[in-house]
Amino acid sequence: MVPMLIGGSINTIGYGIATLGSALGVAWIFASLINGTARQPEAHKPMFQATMIGFAVVEALALFGFVLAFIAK
């Protein structure tokens, strides 16, 4: 019996999982902004600024994962 060979790179699977995590993070960040704005419209500006910082951090982590997927080859 011959074992099955897996073609390709396991880095692709790891980056796919990392991308799903980043997508969920961005979705939760903006869902929280919408929910907070609906509850207190006058606090939209401070919440929006915090949202942009959180969005930038999550996207930076996704880009680091993308770069590391190519470096690890």
N, C-alpha and C. Protein backbone atom coordinates (compact mmCIF):
# COMPACT_ATOMS: atom_id res chain seq x y z
N MET A 1 0.84 -1.18 0.00
CA MET A 1 0.00 0.00 0.00
C MET A 1 0.89 1.25 0.00
N VAL A 2 0.65 2.17 -0.92
CA VAL A 2 1.45 3.38 -1.07
C VAL A 2 0.73 4.53 -0.36
N PRO A 3 1.44 5.23 0.54
CA PRO A 3 0.79 6.37 1.20
C PRO A 3 0.56 7.51 0.20
N MET A 4 -0.46 8.30 0.47
CA MET A 4 -0.77 9.43 -0.42
C MET A 4 0.25 10.54 -0.20
N LEU A 5 0.67 11.16 -1.27
CA LEU A 5 1.59 12.28 -1.20
C LEU A 5 0.80 13.59 -1.26
N ILE A 6 1.20 14.51 -0.44
CA ILE A 6 0.54 15.80 -0.43
C ILE A 6 1.40 16.78 -1.22
N GLY A 7 0.84 17.36 -2.25
CA GLY A 7 1.57 18.33 -3.05
C GLY A 7 1.34 19.74 -2.54
N GLY A 8 2.25 20.63 -2.81
CA GLY A 8 2.08 22.02 -2.39
C GLY A 8 2.80 22.30 -1.09
N SER A 9 2.43 23.36 -0.47
CA SER A 9 3.10 23.81 0.73
C SER A 9 2.11 23.94 1.88
N ILE A 10 2.53 23.53 3.04
CA ILE A 10 1.68 23.65 4.22
C ILE A 10 1.54 25.11 4.63
N ASN A 11 2.45 25.99 4.14
CA ASN A 11 2.36 27.42 4.43
C ASN A 11 1.05 28.01 3.92
N THR A 12 0.57 27.50 2.79
CA THR A 12 -0.67 28.01 2.22
C THR A 12 -1.84 27.75 3.15
N ILE A 13 -1.87 26.59 3.76
CA ILE A 13 -2.94 26.26 4.69
C ILE A 13 -2.85 27.16 5.93
N GLY A 14 -1.65 27.35 6.43
CA GLY A 14 -1.47 28.22 7.59
C GLY A 14 -1.88 29.65 7.32
N TYR A 15 -1.55 30.16 6.14
CA TYR A 15 -1.94 31.52 5.82
C TYR A 15 -3.45 31.62 5.63
N GLY A 16 -4.06 30.60 5.08
CA GLY A 16 -5.52 30.59 4.94
C GLY A 16 -6.21 30.67 6.29
N ILE A 17 -5.71 29.93 7.26
CA ILE A 17 -6.28 29.98 8.61
C ILE A 17 -6.05 31.36 9.24
N ALA A 18 -4.87 31.92 9.03
CA ALA A 18 -4.57 33.25 9.56
C ALA A 18 -5.47 34.31 8.92
N THR A 19 -5.77 34.15 7.65
CA THR A 19 -6.64 35.09 6.96
C THR A 19 -8.06 35.03 7.52
N LEU A 20 -8.53 33.84 7.84
CA LEU A 20 -9.87 33.72 8.43
C LEU A 20 -9.93 34.43 9.78
N GLY A 21 -8.88 34.28 10.57
CA GLY A 21 -8.83 34.96 11.86
C GLY A 21 -8.86 36.46 11.71
N SER A 22 -8.11 36.97 10.74
CA SER A 22 -8.07 38.40 10.50
C SER A 22 -9.43 38.91 10.01
N ALA A 23 -10.06 38.16 9.14
CA ALA A 23 -11.38 38.56 8.63
C ALA A 23 -12.41 38.62 9.76
N LEU A 24 -12.36 37.65 10.65
CA LEU A 24 -13.29 37.67 11.79
C LEU A 24 -13.00 38.85 12.71
N GLY A 25 -11.72 39.16 12.91
CA GLY A 25 -11.35 40.29 13.75
C GLY A 25 -11.86 41.60 13.19
N VAL A 26 -11.71 41.80 11.89
CA VAL A 26 -12.19 43.03 11.26
C VAL A 26 -13.71 43.11 11.34
N ALA A 27 -14.37 42.00 11.12
CA ALA A 27 -15.84 41.98 11.20
C ALA A 27 -16.32 42.34 12.60
N TRP A 28 -15.68 41.79 13.62
CA TRP A 28 -16.10 42.09 15.00
C TRP A 28 -15.81 43.54 15.37
N ILE A 29 -14.70 44.07 14.88
CA ILE A 29 -14.36 45.46 15.18
C ILE A 29 -15.42 46.40 14.61
N PHE A 30 -15.78 46.22 13.35
CA PHE A 30 -16.76 47.13 12.75
C PHE A 30 -18.18 46.85 13.23
N ALA A 31 -18.48 45.62 13.59
CA ALA A 31 -19.79 45.34 14.19
C ALA A 31 -19.93 46.04 15.53
N SER A 32 -18.84 46.08 16.28
CA SER A 32 -18.87 46.80 17.56
C SER A 32 -19.03 48.30 17.35
N LEU A 33 -18.40 48.85 16.31
CA LEU A 33 -18.57 50.27 16.02
C LEU A 33 -20.02 50.58 15.67
N ILE A 34 -20.62 49.77 14.84
CA ILE A 34 -22.01 49.99 14.45
C ILE A 34 -22.93 49.88 15.66
N ASN A 35 -22.69 48.88 16.50
CA ASN A 35 -23.51 48.69 17.69
C ASN A 35 -23.33 49.86 18.66
N GLY A 36 -22.12 50.30 18.87
CA GLY A 36 -21.86 51.42 19.77
C GLY A 36 -22.45 52.72 19.25
N THR A 37 -22.37 52.94 17.94
CA THR A 37 -22.94 54.15 17.36
C THR A 37 -24.47 54.14 17.46
N ALA A 38 -25.06 52.97 17.31
CA ALA A 38 -26.51 52.88 17.44
C ALA A 38 -26.95 53.17 18.87
N ARG A 39 -26.13 52.80 19.84
CA ARG A 39 -26.49 53.03 21.24
C ARG A 39 -26.22 54.47 21.68
N GLN A 40 -25.07 55.02 21.25
CA GLN A 40 -24.71 56.39 21.63
C GLN A 40 -24.15 57.13 20.42
N PRO A 41 -25.01 57.74 19.64
CA PRO A 41 -24.54 58.42 18.42
C PRO A 41 -23.56 59.56 18.70
N GLU A 42 -23.67 60.20 19.86
CA GLU A 42 -22.76 61.33 20.15
C GLU A 42 -21.33 60.87 20.40
N ALA A 43 -21.11 59.60 20.66
CA ALA A 43 -19.77 59.08 20.92
C ALA A 43 -19.15 58.43 19.69
N HIS A 44 -19.67 58.77 18.52
CA HIS A 44 -19.18 58.12 17.29
C HIS A 44 -17.72 58.46 17.00
N LYS A 45 -17.33 59.72 17.17
CA LYS A 45 -15.97 60.13 16.81
C LYS A 45 -14.90 59.41 17.62
N PRO A 46 -14.98 59.35 18.97
CA PRO A 46 -13.95 58.61 19.71
C PRO A 46 -13.96 57.11 19.41
N MET A 47 -15.16 56.56 19.21
CA MET A 47 -15.23 55.13 18.88
C MET A 47 -14.64 54.86 17.51
N PHE A 48 -14.85 55.78 16.57
CA PHE A 48 -14.32 55.59 15.22
C PHE A 48 -12.80 55.62 15.22
N GLN A 49 -12.22 56.51 16.02
CA GLN A 49 -10.76 56.59 16.10
C GLN A 49 -10.18 55.30 16.69
N ALA A 50 -10.80 54.78 17.74
CA ALA A 50 -10.33 53.53 18.32
C ALA A 50 -10.53 52.37 17.35
N THR A 51 -11.59 52.43 16.57
CA THR A 51 -11.86 51.38 15.58
C THR A 51 -10.77 51.36 14.51
N MET A 52 -10.36 52.53 14.06
CA MET A 52 -9.32 52.59 13.03
C MET A 52 -7.98 52.06 13.55
N ILE A 53 -7.67 52.32 14.79
CA ILE A 53 -6.44 51.78 15.37
C ILE A 53 -6.52 50.26 15.44
N GLY A 54 -7.64 49.75 15.91
CA GLY A 54 -7.81 48.29 15.98
C GLY A 54 -7.78 47.64 14.61
N PHE A 55 -8.41 48.30 13.63
CA PHE A 55 -8.40 47.78 12.27
C PHE A 55 -6.98 47.73 11.70
N ALA A 56 -6.20 48.77 11.95
CA ALA A 56 -4.83 48.81 11.46
C ALA A 56 -3.98 47.70 12.08
N VAL A 57 -4.18 47.45 13.36
CA VAL A 57 -3.41 46.39 14.03
C VAL A 57 -3.77 45.02 13.47
N VAL A 58 -5.05 44.77 13.29
CA VAL A 58 -5.48 43.47 12.77
C VAL A 58 -4.98 43.27 11.34
N GLU A 59 -5.07 44.29 10.51
CA GLU A 59 -4.59 44.16 9.14
C GLU A 59 -3.07 44.02 9.08
N ALA A 60 -2.36 44.68 9.98
CA ALA A 60 -0.90 44.53 10.01
C ALA A 60 -0.52 43.10 10.36
N LEU A 61 -1.25 42.50 11.28
CA LEU A 61 -0.97 41.10 11.63
C LEU A 61 -1.24 40.18 10.44
N ALA A 62 -2.27 40.47 9.68
CA ALA A 62 -2.56 39.67 8.49
C ALA A 62 -1.44 39.82 7.45
N LEU A 63 -0.95 41.02 7.28
CA LEU A 63 0.15 41.23 6.33
C LEU A 63 1.44 40.57 6.79
N PHE A 64 1.70 40.58 8.11
CA PHE A 64 2.87 39.88 8.62
C PHE A 64 2.76 38.38 8.34
N GLY A 65 1.58 37.83 8.51
CA GLY A 65 1.37 36.42 8.20
C GLY A 65 1.59 36.13 6.73
N PHE A 66 1.16 37.05 5.87
CA PHE A 66 1.36 36.89 4.43
C PHE A 66 2.84 36.88 4.08
N VAL A 67 3.60 37.79 4.67
CA VAL A 67 5.04 37.86 4.40
C VAL A 67 5.75 36.62 4.95
N LEU A 68 5.38 36.21 6.16
CA LEU A 68 6.03 35.05 6.74
C LEU A 68 5.72 33.76 5.98
N ALA A 69 4.57 33.71 5.32
CA ALA A 69 4.24 32.53 4.52
C ALA A 69 5.22 32.39 3.35
N PHE A 70 5.70 33.50 2.81
CA PHE A 70 6.67 33.43 1.72
C PHE A 70 8.09 33.25 2.22
N ILE A 71 8.40 33.80 3.38
CA ILE A 71 9.75 33.67 3.91
C ILE A 71 10.04 32.25 4.36
N ALA A 72 9.04 31.57 4.90
CA ALA A 72 9.23 30.25 5.48
C ALA A 72 9.43 29.15 4.44
N LYS A 73 9.30 29.48 3.16
CA LYS A 73 9.49 28.45 2.13
C LYS A 73 10.86 28.02 2.09
